[in-house]
Amino acid sequence: MVERAGLRIGIVGIACHIVDKAMPPSYSTGVRFTLGNAELPAHVEKLRREERVDLVVVLLHMGFRQDMKLATEVSGIDVIVSGHTHNRLYRPASVGNTLLIQSGCQGSFVGRLDLAVENGRVVSWEHALIATDDKVLEDAEMAAGVAETLSSHRQLLDEPVGQLEAPLDRAAVLEASMDNVLLDAIAQVADVELAYISSVPTFSHQGVVS
């Protein structure tokens, strides 16, 4: 529960339901993961009736299609902040009265959603997908915190290990330069002809083919 601009806002978070399938066992030991569609209606009902919230916001990390599907299954949600599939939505998607935004990945964009609320309902909205490029000034306090955190690793981080002719990134969906470097290394070490990364909305896996 948070209060902003005189409004009571209830926030519910739902983690990716494949953590126990796609990540190391230590990430999920003793934890049960579900799609959330069976549990969420009761939380929304409690927020609306008992907490008397003006807005219900759900933070979802299952992927755009799965998050849109949940929006069709659970009513009473005002905003879904979606994640996992790294979509860049320049305009919110909508399901009934629910708005859904997703803002890329790796801090490349910031999504801003301004809502006008009257009597516990959204009457209008404005959205912007803001690129975090050189026009965004560095925050001095945050930069100092990052520098302090990395200080004990600075010698290792500053040691040259190679020279690049082009940037390395994993921001692309179909093919990324960093993935290509990693896969070439895997293929060389494994002495195989082909190494691959396969990514679909609900699962990602790596493998090698001899």
N, C-alpha and C. Protein backbone atom coordinates (compact mmCIF):
# COMPACT_ATOMS: atom_id res chain seq x y z
N MET A 1 0.84 -1.18 0.00
CA MET A 1 0.00 0.00 0.00
C MET A 1 0.88 1.24 0.00
N VAL A 2 0.60 2.17 -0.92
CA VAL A 2 1.30 3.46 -0.91
C VAL A 2 0.25 4.55 -1.12
N GLU A 3 0.60 5.75 -0.72
CA GLU A 3 -0.27 6.90 -0.96
C GLU A 3 0.50 7.93 -1.76
N ARG A 4 -0.10 8.38 -2.84
CA ARG A 4 0.51 9.38 -3.70
C ARG A 4 -0.56 10.36 -4.15
N ALA A 5 -0.26 11.65 -4.03
CA ALA A 5 -1.16 12.71 -4.48
C ALA A 5 -2.56 12.53 -3.93
N GLY A 6 -2.64 12.07 -2.68
CA GLY A 6 -3.93 11.91 -2.04
C GLY A 6 -4.68 10.65 -2.42
N LEU A 7 -4.05 9.77 -3.20
CA LEU A 7 -4.69 8.53 -3.63
C LEU A 7 -4.09 7.34 -2.89
N ARG A 8 -4.93 6.39 -2.55
CA ARG A 8 -4.48 5.12 -1.98
C ARG A 8 -4.28 4.12 -3.11
N ILE A 9 -3.08 3.55 -3.20
CA ILE A 9 -2.73 2.66 -4.30
C ILE A 9 -2.32 1.30 -3.74
N GLY A 10 -2.99 0.25 -4.18
CA GLY A 10 -2.63 -1.10 -3.79
C GLY A 10 -1.79 -1.75 -4.88
N ILE A 11 -0.66 -2.32 -4.49
CA ILE A 11 0.28 -2.91 -5.45
C ILE A 11 0.46 -4.39 -5.14
N VAL A 12 0.30 -5.22 -6.16
CA VAL A 12 0.50 -6.67 -6.04
C VAL A 12 1.58 -7.08 -7.03
N GLY A 13 2.53 -7.90 -6.58
CA GLY A 13 3.59 -8.39 -7.45
C GLY A 13 3.44 -9.87 -7.74
N ILE A 14 3.65 -10.25 -9.00
CA ILE A 14 3.59 -11.66 -9.39
C ILE A 14 4.86 -12.00 -10.16
N ALA A 15 5.61 -12.97 -9.65
CA ALA A 15 6.87 -13.36 -10.27
C ALA A 15 6.64 -14.29 -11.46
N CYS A 16 7.65 -14.42 -12.27
CA CYS A 16 7.60 -15.35 -13.41
C CYS A 16 7.37 -16.77 -12.89
N HIS A 17 6.41 -17.46 -13.47
CA HIS A 17 6.01 -18.76 -12.95
C HIS A 17 6.95 -19.90 -13.35
N ILE A 18 7.98 -19.61 -14.16
CA ILE A 18 8.89 -20.67 -14.60
C ILE A 18 10.23 -20.60 -13.87
N VAL A 19 10.31 -19.83 -12.79
CA VAL A 19 11.57 -19.74 -12.05
C VAL A 19 12.06 -21.11 -11.62
N ASP A 20 11.14 -21.97 -11.17
CA ASP A 20 11.53 -23.29 -10.70
C ASP A 20 11.90 -24.23 -11.85
N LYS A 21 11.63 -23.84 -13.09
CA LYS A 21 11.95 -24.68 -14.25
C LYS A 21 13.18 -24.18 -15.01
N ALA A 22 13.38 -22.87 -15.01
CA ALA A 22 14.42 -22.29 -15.86
C ALA A 22 15.64 -21.81 -15.10
N MET A 23 15.57 -21.78 -13.77
CA MET A 23 16.68 -21.26 -12.97
C MET A 23 17.24 -22.34 -12.06
N PRO A 24 18.41 -22.11 -11.46
CA PRO A 24 18.99 -23.09 -10.54
C PRO A 24 18.03 -23.38 -9.38
N PRO A 25 18.07 -24.60 -8.84
CA PRO A 25 17.16 -24.99 -7.77
C PRO A 25 17.19 -24.06 -6.56
N SER A 26 18.35 -23.47 -6.28
CA SER A 26 18.46 -22.60 -5.10
C SER A 26 17.57 -21.37 -5.21
N TYR A 27 17.14 -21.02 -6.44
CA TYR A 27 16.29 -19.86 -6.64
C TYR A 27 14.85 -20.13 -6.18
N SER A 28 14.48 -21.39 -6.07
CA SER A 28 13.06 -21.68 -5.83
C SER A 28 12.81 -22.72 -4.74
N THR A 29 13.85 -23.12 -4.03
CA THR A 29 13.68 -24.13 -2.99
C THR A 29 12.64 -23.67 -1.97
N GLY A 30 11.62 -24.50 -1.75
CA GLY A 30 10.59 -24.19 -0.78
C GLY A 30 9.54 -23.21 -1.24
N VAL A 31 9.57 -22.82 -2.52
CA VAL A 31 8.63 -21.84 -3.04
C VAL A 31 7.79 -22.49 -4.14
N ARG A 32 6.49 -22.22 -4.12
CA ARG A 32 5.58 -22.74 -5.15
C ARG A 32 5.19 -21.59 -6.08
N PHE A 33 5.28 -21.82 -7.38
CA PHE A 33 4.97 -20.79 -8.37
C PHE A 33 3.69 -21.15 -9.12
N THR A 34 2.82 -20.16 -9.30
CA THR A 34 1.59 -20.36 -10.07
C THR A 34 1.44 -19.22 -11.06
N LEU A 35 0.41 -19.29 -11.88
CA LEU A 35 0.12 -18.21 -12.84
C LEU A 35 -0.50 -17.00 -12.16
N GLY A 36 -0.99 -17.17 -10.95
CA GLY A 36 -1.54 -16.05 -10.21
C GLY A 36 -2.99 -15.73 -10.49
N ASN A 37 -3.54 -16.33 -11.56
CA ASN A 37 -4.93 -15.99 -11.91
C ASN A 37 -5.94 -16.53 -10.91
N ALA A 38 -5.58 -17.58 -10.17
CA ALA A 38 -6.49 -18.11 -9.16
C ALA A 38 -6.42 -17.32 -7.85
N GLU A 39 -5.23 -16.79 -7.52
CA GLU A 39 -5.04 -16.10 -6.26
C GLU A 39 -5.34 -14.60 -6.35
N LEU A 40 -5.09 -14.01 -7.52
CA LEU A 40 -5.16 -12.56 -7.63
C LEU A 40 -6.55 -11.97 -7.37
N PRO A 41 -7.65 -12.58 -7.84
CA PRO A 41 -8.97 -11.95 -7.60
C PRO A 41 -9.25 -11.65 -6.13
N ALA A 42 -8.84 -12.53 -5.22
CA ALA A 42 -9.08 -12.29 -3.79
C ALA A 42 -8.28 -11.09 -3.29
N HIS A 43 -7.06 -10.93 -3.80
CA HIS A 43 -6.25 -9.78 -3.40
C HIS A 43 -6.85 -8.48 -3.91
N VAL A 44 -7.31 -8.50 -5.16
CA VAL A 44 -7.93 -7.30 -5.73
C VAL A 44 -9.19 -6.95 -4.94
N GLU A 45 -9.98 -7.96 -4.60
CA GLU A 45 -11.22 -7.75 -3.84
C GLU A 45 -10.90 -7.14 -2.47
N LYS A 46 -9.89 -7.66 -1.80
CA LYS A 46 -9.51 -7.13 -0.48
C LYS A 46 -9.05 -5.69 -0.58
N LEU A 47 -8.25 -5.40 -1.61
CA LEU A 47 -7.76 -4.03 -1.78
C LEU A 47 -8.92 -3.07 -2.02
N ARG A 48 -9.88 -3.50 -2.82
CA ARG A 48 -11.00 -2.63 -3.16
C ARG A 48 -11.94 -2.43 -1.97
N ARG A 49 -12.32 -3.51 -1.31
CA ARG A 49 -13.36 -3.45 -0.29
C ARG A 49 -12.83 -3.10 1.10
N GLU A 50 -11.71 -3.73 1.50
CA GLU A 50 -11.20 -3.52 2.85
C GLU A 50 -10.24 -2.34 2.93
N GLU A 51 -9.34 -2.25 1.96
CA GLU A 51 -8.35 -1.18 1.99
C GLU A 51 -8.86 0.11 1.34
N ARG A 52 -9.96 0.01 0.62
CA ARG A 52 -10.59 1.18 -0.02
C ARG A 52 -9.60 1.94 -0.90
N VAL A 53 -8.90 1.19 -1.74
CA VAL A 53 -7.90 1.82 -2.61
C VAL A 53 -8.58 2.54 -3.77
N ASP A 54 -7.86 3.52 -4.30
CA ASP A 54 -8.32 4.22 -5.50
C ASP A 54 -7.80 3.56 -6.77
N LEU A 55 -6.66 2.90 -6.65
CA LEU A 55 -6.04 2.25 -7.80
C LEU A 55 -5.48 0.89 -7.40
N VAL A 56 -5.56 -0.07 -8.32
CA VAL A 56 -4.90 -1.36 -8.15
C VAL A 56 -3.86 -1.51 -9.26
N VAL A 57 -2.61 -1.67 -8.86
CA VAL A 57 -1.50 -1.84 -9.80
C VAL A 57 -0.89 -3.22 -9.60
N VAL A 58 -0.71 -3.97 -10.68
CA VAL A 58 -0.11 -5.29 -10.61
C VAL A 58 1.21 -5.29 -11.35
N LEU A 59 2.27 -5.69 -10.68
CA LEU A 59 3.59 -5.84 -11.29
C LEU A 59 3.74 -7.29 -11.73
N LEU A 60 3.77 -7.51 -13.02
CA LEU A 60 3.78 -8.87 -13.58
C LEU A 60 5.08 -9.13 -14.33
N HIS A 61 5.62 -10.34 -14.17
CA HIS A 61 6.86 -10.66 -14.87
C HIS A 61 6.73 -12.01 -15.59
N MET A 62 5.62 -12.22 -16.25
CA MET A 62 5.41 -13.49 -16.96
C MET A 62 5.59 -13.35 -18.46
N GLY A 63 5.55 -12.15 -19.00
CA GLY A 63 5.65 -11.95 -20.44
C GLY A 63 4.40 -11.30 -20.98
N PHE A 64 4.55 -10.57 -22.09
CA PHE A 64 3.46 -9.74 -22.61
C PHE A 64 2.18 -10.54 -22.87
N ARG A 65 2.29 -11.65 -23.59
CA ARG A 65 1.09 -12.42 -23.91
C ARG A 65 0.44 -12.99 -22.65
N GLN A 66 1.25 -13.53 -21.76
CA GLN A 66 0.70 -14.10 -20.53
C GLN A 66 0.07 -13.01 -19.66
N ASP A 67 0.71 -11.84 -19.61
CA ASP A 67 0.17 -10.75 -18.80
C ASP A 67 -1.15 -10.23 -19.38
N MET A 68 -1.23 -10.17 -20.71
CA MET A 68 -2.48 -9.76 -21.36
C MET A 68 -3.58 -10.79 -21.06
N LYS A 69 -3.21 -12.07 -21.08
CA LYS A 69 -4.20 -13.12 -20.80
C LYS A 69 -4.73 -12.99 -19.38
N LEU A 70 -3.83 -12.73 -18.42
CA LEU A 70 -4.27 -12.59 -17.04
C LEU A 70 -5.22 -11.40 -16.91
N ALA A 71 -4.98 -10.34 -17.68
CA ALA A 71 -5.86 -9.17 -17.62
C ALA A 71 -7.27 -9.51 -18.09
N THR A 72 -7.39 -10.49 -18.98
CA THR A 72 -8.73 -10.91 -19.42
C THR A 72 -9.40 -11.80 -18.38
N GLU A 73 -8.62 -12.41 -17.50
CA GLU A 73 -9.15 -13.36 -16.53
C GLU A 73 -9.48 -12.73 -15.17
N VAL A 74 -8.85 -11.60 -14.88
CA VAL A 74 -9.02 -10.96 -13.56
C VAL A 74 -9.47 -9.52 -13.76
N SER A 75 -10.59 -9.17 -13.23
CA SER A 75 -11.10 -7.80 -13.36
C SER A 75 -10.67 -6.97 -12.16
N GLY A 76 -10.85 -5.66 -12.28
CA GLY A 76 -10.56 -4.77 -11.16
C GLY A 76 -9.15 -4.24 -11.11
N ILE A 77 -8.32 -4.56 -12.12
CA ILE A 77 -6.94 -4.07 -12.17
C ILE A 77 -6.92 -2.79 -13.01
N ASP A 78 -6.31 -1.75 -12.49
CA ASP A 78 -6.20 -0.51 -13.25
C ASP A 78 -4.99 -0.50 -14.17
N VAL A 79 -3.84 -0.91 -13.63
CA VAL A 79 -2.59 -0.87 -14.40
C VAL A 79 -1.80 -2.14 -14.18
N ILE A 80 -1.28 -2.70 -15.27
CA ILE A 80 -0.32 -3.80 -15.21
C ILE A 80 1.01 -3.28 -15.72
N VAL A 81 2.04 -3.37 -14.89
CA VAL A 81 3.41 -3.08 -15.32
C VAL A 81 4.03 -4.42 -15.69
N SER A 82 4.18 -4.63 -16.98
CA SER A 82 4.55 -5.94 -17.51
C SER A 82 6.05 -6.06 -17.71
N GLY A 83 6.54 -7.30 -17.68
CA GLY A 83 7.97 -7.54 -17.89
C GLY A 83 8.24 -8.90 -18.50
N HIS A 84 9.52 -9.24 -18.57
CA HIS A 84 10.03 -10.54 -18.99
C HIS A 84 10.30 -10.64 -20.50
N THR A 85 9.41 -10.12 -21.34
CA THR A 85 9.62 -10.24 -22.79
C THR A 85 10.25 -9.01 -23.41
N HIS A 86 10.51 -7.97 -22.61
CA HIS A 86 11.29 -6.80 -23.03
C HIS A 86 10.64 -6.01 -24.17
N ASN A 87 9.32 -6.05 -24.28
CA ASN A 87 8.64 -5.28 -25.32
C ASN A 87 8.79 -3.78 -25.07
N ARG A 88 8.88 -3.02 -26.14
CA ARG A 88 8.89 -1.56 -26.05
C ARG A 88 7.52 -1.06 -26.52
N LEU A 89 6.66 -0.76 -25.58
CA LEU A 89 5.32 -0.31 -25.92
C LEU A 89 5.29 1.22 -25.92
N TYR A 90 5.08 1.79 -27.11
CA TYR A 90 5.00 3.24 -27.22
C TYR A 90 3.61 3.74 -26.84
N ARG A 91 2.66 2.82 -26.76
CA ARG A 91 1.31 3.13 -26.32
C ARG A 91 0.82 1.95 -25.47
N PRO A 92 0.19 2.22 -24.33
CA PRO A 92 -0.27 1.11 -23.50
C PRO A 92 -1.23 0.19 -24.24
N ALA A 93 -1.13 -1.10 -23.96
CA ALA A 93 -2.16 -2.04 -24.41
C ALA A 93 -3.31 -1.96 -23.40
N SER A 94 -4.49 -2.36 -23.82
CA SER A 94 -5.63 -2.28 -22.90
C SER A 94 -6.50 -3.52 -23.04
N VAL A 95 -7.02 -3.95 -21.89
CA VAL A 95 -8.00 -5.02 -21.82
C VAL A 95 -9.12 -4.51 -20.94
N GLY A 96 -10.26 -4.17 -21.54
CA GLY A 96 -11.33 -3.56 -20.76
C GLY A 96 -10.84 -2.26 -20.16
N ASN A 97 -10.90 -2.14 -18.83
CA ASN A 97 -10.45 -0.93 -18.15
C ASN A 97 -9.02 -1.04 -17.63
N THR A 98 -8.31 -2.10 -18.02
CA THR A 98 -6.95 -2.31 -17.55
C THR A 98 -5.95 -1.82 -18.58
N LEU A 99 -5.00 -0.98 -18.16
CA LEU A 99 -3.91 -0.53 -19.02
C LEU A 99 -2.68 -1.37 -18.73
N LEU A 100 -1.92 -1.73 -19.77
CA LEU A 100 -0.71 -2.53 -19.62
C LEU A 100 0.44 -1.82 -20.31
N ILE A 101 1.53 -1.62 -19.58
CA ILE A 101 2.71 -1.01 -20.17
C ILE A 101 3.91 -1.93 -19.99
N GLN A 102 4.86 -1.85 -20.92
CA GLN A 102 6.13 -2.56 -20.81
C GLN A 102 7.17 -1.68 -21.50
N SER A 103 8.36 -1.58 -20.92
CA SER A 103 9.28 -0.51 -21.32
C SER A 103 10.68 -1.00 -21.67
N GLY A 104 10.76 -2.03 -22.51
CA GLY A 104 12.06 -2.49 -22.96
C GLY A 104 12.81 -3.25 -21.89
N CYS A 105 14.15 -3.15 -21.92
CA CYS A 105 14.97 -3.92 -20.99
C CYS A 105 16.26 -3.21 -20.69
N GLN A 106 16.92 -3.66 -19.64
CA GLN A 106 18.27 -3.24 -19.28
C GLN A 106 18.39 -1.73 -19.11
N GLY A 107 17.31 -1.10 -18.67
CA GLY A 107 17.36 0.33 -18.41
C GLY A 107 17.44 1.19 -19.66
N SER A 108 17.16 0.62 -20.83
CA SER A 108 17.25 1.39 -22.07
C SER A 108 16.13 2.41 -22.20
N PHE A 109 15.01 2.16 -21.53
CA PHE A 109 13.87 3.08 -21.57
C PHE A 109 13.25 3.18 -20.18
N VAL A 110 12.59 4.29 -19.94
CA VAL A 110 11.75 4.47 -18.76
C VAL A 110 10.33 4.72 -19.26
N GLY A 111 9.39 3.94 -18.74
CA GLY A 111 8.00 4.15 -19.11
C GLY A 111 7.34 5.08 -18.11
N ARG A 112 6.65 6.09 -18.61
CA ARG A 112 5.94 7.02 -17.74
C ARG A 112 4.45 6.98 -18.07
N LEU A 113 3.64 6.75 -17.05
CA LEU A 113 2.19 6.69 -17.22
C LEU A 113 1.56 7.65 -16.22
N ASP A 114 0.95 8.70 -16.73
CA ASP A 114 0.25 9.68 -15.90
C ASP A 114 -1.25 9.40 -15.97
N LEU A 115 -1.87 9.28 -14.80
CA LEU A 115 -3.28 8.93 -14.72
C LEU A 115 -4.08 10.06 -14.09
N ALA A 116 -5.25 10.31 -14.63
CA ALA A 116 -6.23 11.18 -13.99
C ALA A 116 -7.29 10.28 -13.38
N VAL A 117 -7.49 10.40 -12.06
CA VAL A 117 -8.38 9.50 -11.34
C VAL A 117 -9.51 10.30 -10.68
N GLU A 118 -10.72 9.84 -10.88
CA GLU A 118 -11.88 10.47 -10.24
C GLU A 118 -12.77 9.37 -9.66
N ASN A 119 -13.08 9.50 -8.38
CA ASN A 119 -13.96 8.55 -7.71
C ASN A 119 -13.50 7.10 -7.89
N GLY A 120 -12.19 6.90 -7.75
CA GLY A 120 -11.67 5.54 -7.80
C GLY A 120 -11.59 4.92 -9.16
N ARG A 121 -11.67 5.71 -10.21
CA ARG A 121 -11.53 5.15 -11.56
C ARG A 121 -10.69 6.08 -12.43
N VAL A 122 -9.95 5.47 -13.36
CA VAL A 122 -9.10 6.23 -14.28
C VAL A 122 -9.98 6.84 -15.37
N VAL A 123 -9.94 8.16 -15.50
CA VAL A 123 -10.77 8.83 -16.50
C VAL A 123 -9.95 9.25 -17.72
N SER A 124 -8.63 9.38 -17.56
CA SER A 124 -7.78 9.68 -18.70
C SER A 124 -6.34 9.34 -18.35
N TRP A 125 -5.50 9.25 -19.37
CA TRP A 125 -4.11 8.91 -19.14
C TRP A 125 -3.22 9.48 -20.24
N GLU A 126 -1.94 9.63 -19.92
CA GLU A 126 -0.91 9.99 -20.89
C GLU A 126 0.29 9.08 -20.66
N HIS A 127 0.92 8.65 -21.75
CA HIS A 127 2.03 7.70 -21.64
C HIS A 127 3.20 8.16 -22.49
N ALA A 128 4.39 7.91 -22.00
CA ALA A 128 5.60 8.20 -22.77
C ALA A 128 6.63 7.11 -22.53
N LEU A 129 7.28 6.68 -23.60
CA LEU A 129 8.41 5.75 -23.50
C LEU A 129 9.67 6.58 -23.70
N ILE A 130 10.42 6.77 -22.64
CA ILE A 130 11.53 7.72 -22.64
C ILE A 130 12.85 6.97 -22.75
N ALA A 131 13.61 7.27 -23.80
CA ALA A 131 14.92 6.63 -23.99
C ALA A 131 15.92 7.19 -22.99
N THR A 132 16.67 6.31 -22.35
CA THR A 132 17.70 6.75 -21.40
C THR A 132 19.01 6.95 -22.16
N ASP A 133 19.02 7.98 -23.02
CA ASP A 133 20.20 8.29 -23.83
C ASP A 133 20.99 9.42 -23.18
N ASP A 134 21.87 10.05 -23.94
CA ASP A 134 22.73 11.09 -23.39
C ASP A 134 21.97 12.33 -22.95
N LYS A 135 20.71 12.44 -23.35
CA LYS A 135 19.92 13.59 -22.93
C LYS A 135 19.51 13.49 -21.46
N VAL A 136 19.56 12.29 -20.90
CA VAL A 136 19.23 12.09 -19.50
C VAL A 136 20.50 12.25 -18.67
N LEU A 137 20.52 13.24 -17.80
CA LEU A 137 21.71 13.53 -17.02
C LEU A 137 21.93 12.48 -15.94
N GLU A 138 23.19 12.19 -15.67
CA GLU A 138 23.54 11.23 -14.64
C GLU A 138 23.20 11.77 -13.26
N ASP A 139 22.65 10.92 -12.40
CA ASP A 139 22.35 11.30 -11.02
C ASP A 139 23.61 11.10 -10.19
N ALA A 140 24.09 12.18 -9.59
CA ALA A 140 25.37 12.14 -8.88
C ALA A 140 25.35 11.16 -7.71
N GLU A 141 24.26 11.14 -6.95
CA GLU A 141 24.17 10.26 -5.78
C GLU A 141 24.16 8.80 -6.21
N MET A 142 23.41 8.48 -7.28
CA MET A 142 23.38 7.10 -7.77
C MET A 142 24.73 6.69 -8.32
N ALA A 143 25.38 7.59 -9.07
CA ALA A 143 26.70 7.28 -9.65
C ALA A 143 27.71 7.00 -8.55
N ALA A 144 27.64 7.76 -7.46
CA ALA A 144 28.56 7.55 -6.35
C ALA A 144 28.31 6.20 -5.68
N GLY A 145 27.03 5.82 -5.56
CA GLY A 145 26.69 4.52 -4.97
C GLY A 145 27.18 3.37 -5.82
N VAL A 146 27.04 3.49 -7.14
CA VAL A 146 27.53 2.45 -8.05
C VAL A 146 29.05 2.33 -7.96
N ALA A 147 29.73 3.48 -7.95
CA ALA A 147 31.19 3.48 -7.87
C ALA A 147 31.68 2.82 -6.58
N GLU A 148 30.99 3.09 -5.48
CA GLU A 148 31.37 2.49 -4.20
C GLU A 148 31.15 0.98 -4.22
N THR A 149 30.05 0.55 -4.81
CA THR A 149 29.75 -0.88 -4.87
C THR A 149 30.80 -1.63 -5.69
N LEU A 150 31.26 -1.00 -6.77
CA LEU A 150 32.20 -1.67 -7.68
C LEU A 150 33.66 -1.45 -7.29
N SER A 151 33.91 -0.65 -6.28
CA SER A 151 35.29 -0.27 -5.97
C SER A 151 36.18 -1.47 -5.66
N SER A 152 35.65 -2.46 -4.96
CA SER A 152 36.48 -3.62 -4.61
C SER A 152 36.77 -4.49 -5.82
N HIS A 153 36.04 -4.30 -6.91
CA HIS A 153 36.26 -5.09 -8.13
C HIS A 153 36.92 -4.26 -9.23
N ARG A 154 37.27 -3.00 -8.93
CA ARG A 154 37.71 -2.10 -9.98
C ARG A 154 38.95 -2.60 -10.71
N GLN A 155 39.92 -3.16 -9.99
CA GLN A 155 41.15 -3.62 -10.64
C GLN A 155 40.84 -4.70 -11.68
N LEU A 156 39.97 -5.64 -11.31
CA LEU A 156 39.60 -6.70 -12.24
C LEU A 156 38.82 -6.13 -13.42
N LEU A 157 37.89 -5.22 -13.14
CA LEU A 157 37.06 -4.66 -14.21
C LEU A 157 37.87 -3.82 -15.19
N ASP A 158 38.94 -3.20 -14.70
CA ASP A 158 39.75 -2.32 -15.55
C ASP A 158 40.83 -3.07 -16.33
N GLU A 159 40.96 -4.36 -16.11
CA GLU A 159 42.00 -5.13 -16.82
C GLU A 159 41.54 -5.45 -18.24
N PRO A 160 42.25 -5.01 -19.28
CA PRO A 160 41.85 -5.29 -20.66
C PRO A 160 41.96 -6.79 -20.96
N VAL A 161 40.95 -7.34 -21.60
CA VAL A 161 40.97 -8.75 -21.98
C VAL A 161 40.81 -8.92 -23.49
N GLY A 162 40.60 -7.85 -24.20
CA GLY A 162 40.43 -7.92 -25.64
C GLY A 162 40.05 -6.57 -26.19
N GLN A 163 39.88 -6.52 -27.50
CA GLN A 163 39.53 -5.26 -28.17
C GLN A 163 38.33 -5.49 -29.07
N LEU A 164 37.35 -4.62 -28.98
CA LEU A 164 36.12 -4.75 -29.76
C LEU A 164 36.10 -3.76 -30.92
N GLU A 165 35.53 -4.20 -32.01
CA GLU A 165 35.33 -3.32 -33.15
C GLU A 165 33.87 -2.85 -33.23
N ALA A 166 33.00 -3.45 -32.43
CA ALA A 166 31.58 -3.08 -32.41
C ALA A 166 31.04 -3.33 -31.01
N PRO A 167 29.98 -2.64 -30.62
CA PRO A 167 29.40 -2.83 -29.28
C PRO A 167 28.84 -4.23 -29.10
N LEU A 168 28.89 -4.74 -27.86
CA LEU A 168 28.28 -6.01 -27.51
C LEU A 168 27.02 -5.74 -26.70
N ASP A 169 25.90 -6.37 -27.08
CA ASP A 169 24.67 -6.17 -26.33
C ASP A 169 23.80 -7.41 -26.45
N ARG A 170 22.81 -7.50 -25.56
CA ARG A 170 21.83 -8.59 -25.59
C ARG A 170 20.42 -8.02 -25.69
N ALA A 171 20.30 -6.81 -26.24
CA ALA A 171 19.00 -6.13 -26.26
C ALA A 171 18.13 -6.56 -27.42
N ALA A 172 18.70 -7.15 -28.46
CA ALA A 172 17.91 -7.57 -29.61
C ALA A 172 17.21 -8.90 -29.32
N VAL A 173 16.15 -9.18 -30.07
CA VAL A 173 15.36 -10.38 -29.82
C VAL A 173 15.84 -11.55 -30.66
N LEU A 174 15.98 -11.36 -31.97
CA LEU A 174 16.30 -12.49 -32.86
C LEU A 174 17.79 -12.83 -32.85
N GLU A 175 18.65 -11.83 -32.76
CA GLU A 175 20.09 -12.08 -32.75
C GLU A 175 20.77 -10.92 -32.03
N ALA A 176 21.71 -11.24 -31.15
CA ALA A 176 22.41 -10.21 -30.39
C ALA A 176 23.91 -10.48 -30.44
N SER A 177 24.68 -9.41 -30.50
CA SER A 177 26.12 -9.55 -30.65
C SER A 177 26.76 -10.28 -29.47
N MET A 178 26.32 -10.01 -28.25
CA MET A 178 26.87 -10.71 -27.08
C MET A 178 26.56 -12.19 -27.14
N ASP A 179 25.33 -12.53 -27.55
CA ASP A 179 24.98 -13.95 -27.69
C ASP A 179 25.90 -14.64 -28.69
N ASN A 180 26.20 -13.97 -29.79
CA ASN A 180 27.07 -14.57 -30.81
C ASN A 180 28.46 -14.86 -30.25
N VAL A 181 29.00 -13.93 -29.44
CA VAL A 181 30.32 -14.15 -28.84
C VAL A 181 30.27 -15.35 -27.89
N LEU A 182 29.24 -15.38 -27.03
CA LEU A 182 29.12 -16.48 -26.07
C LEU A 182 28.96 -17.83 -26.78
N LEU A 183 28.14 -17.84 -27.84
CA LEU A 183 27.88 -19.10 -28.54
C LEU A 183 29.12 -19.57 -29.30
N ASP A 184 29.86 -18.64 -29.88
CA ASP A 184 31.12 -19.02 -30.55
C ASP A 184 32.09 -19.64 -29.54
N ALA A 185 32.13 -19.07 -28.33
CA ALA A 185 33.01 -19.61 -27.29
C ALA A 185 32.55 -21.00 -26.85
N ILE A 186 31.24 -21.16 -26.68
CA ILE A 186 30.69 -22.48 -26.29
C ILE A 186 31.01 -23.52 -27.35
N ALA A 187 30.81 -23.16 -28.63
CA ALA A 187 31.06 -24.10 -29.71
C ALA A 187 32.53 -24.50 -29.76
N GLN A 188 33.42 -23.53 -29.52
CA GLN A 188 34.85 -23.83 -29.56
C GLN A 188 35.25 -24.76 -28.42
N VAL A 189 34.79 -24.44 -27.19
CA VAL A 189 35.15 -25.25 -26.03
C VAL A 189 34.56 -26.65 -26.13
N ALA A 190 33.31 -26.73 -26.64
CA ALA A 190 32.63 -28.03 -26.74
C ALA A 190 33.03 -28.81 -27.99
N ASP A 191 33.80 -28.15 -28.87
CA ASP A 191 34.24 -28.78 -30.12
C ASP A 191 33.04 -29.29 -30.93
N VAL A 192 32.09 -28.38 -31.14
CA VAL A 192 30.90 -28.69 -31.94
C VAL A 192 30.77 -27.67 -33.05
N GLU A 193 29.92 -28.00 -34.03
CA GLU A 193 29.76 -27.11 -35.17
C GLU A 193 28.74 -26.01 -34.91
N LEU A 194 27.79 -26.27 -34.01
CA LEU A 194 26.71 -25.32 -33.82
C LEU A 194 26.34 -25.21 -32.35
N ALA A 195 26.23 -24.01 -31.86
CA ALA A 195 25.68 -23.74 -30.54
C ALA A 195 24.53 -22.76 -30.72
N TYR A 196 23.48 -22.89 -29.91
CA TYR A 196 22.30 -22.06 -30.13
C TYR A 196 21.66 -21.62 -28.83
N ILE A 197 20.92 -20.53 -28.91
CA ILE A 197 20.05 -20.07 -27.83
C ILE A 197 18.66 -19.96 -28.43
N SER A 198 17.71 -20.61 -27.81
CA SER A 198 16.33 -20.55 -28.27
C SER A 198 15.51 -19.81 -27.24
N SER A 199 14.73 -18.82 -27.67
CA SER A 199 13.92 -18.03 -26.75
C SER A 199 12.50 -17.93 -27.26
N VAL A 200 11.55 -18.32 -26.41
CA VAL A 200 10.12 -18.21 -26.73
C VAL A 200 9.45 -17.53 -25.55
N PRO A 201 8.18 -17.09 -25.67
CA PRO A 201 7.56 -16.31 -24.61
C PRO A 201 7.56 -16.94 -23.22
N THR A 202 7.60 -18.26 -23.12
CA THR A 202 7.49 -18.86 -21.80
C THR A 202 8.76 -19.57 -21.33
N PHE A 203 9.77 -19.70 -22.20
CA PHE A 203 10.92 -20.48 -21.77
C PHE A 203 12.13 -20.15 -22.65
N SER A 204 13.30 -20.19 -22.10
CA SER A 204 14.55 -20.01 -22.84
C SER A 204 15.50 -21.14 -22.48
N HIS A 205 16.26 -21.63 -23.48
CA HIS A 205 17.22 -22.66 -23.17
C HIS A 205 18.41 -22.57 -24.12
N GLN A 206 19.52 -23.17 -23.73
CA GLN A 206 20.72 -23.18 -24.54
C GLN A 206 21.10 -24.62 -24.84
N GLY A 207 21.84 -24.81 -25.91
CA GLY A 207 22.28 -26.15 -26.22
C GLY A 207 23.36 -26.14 -27.27
N VAL A 208 23.90 -27.31 -27.55
CA VAL A 208 24.90 -27.46 -28.59
C VAL A 208 24.52 -28.62 -29.48
N VAL A 209 24.86 -28.50 -30.76
CA VAL A 209 24.58 -29.57 -31.72
C VAL A 209 25.88 -29.94 -32.38
N SER A 210 26.23 -31.23 -32.34
CA SER A 210 27.48 -31.67 -32.93
C SER A 210 27.29 -31.97 -34.41
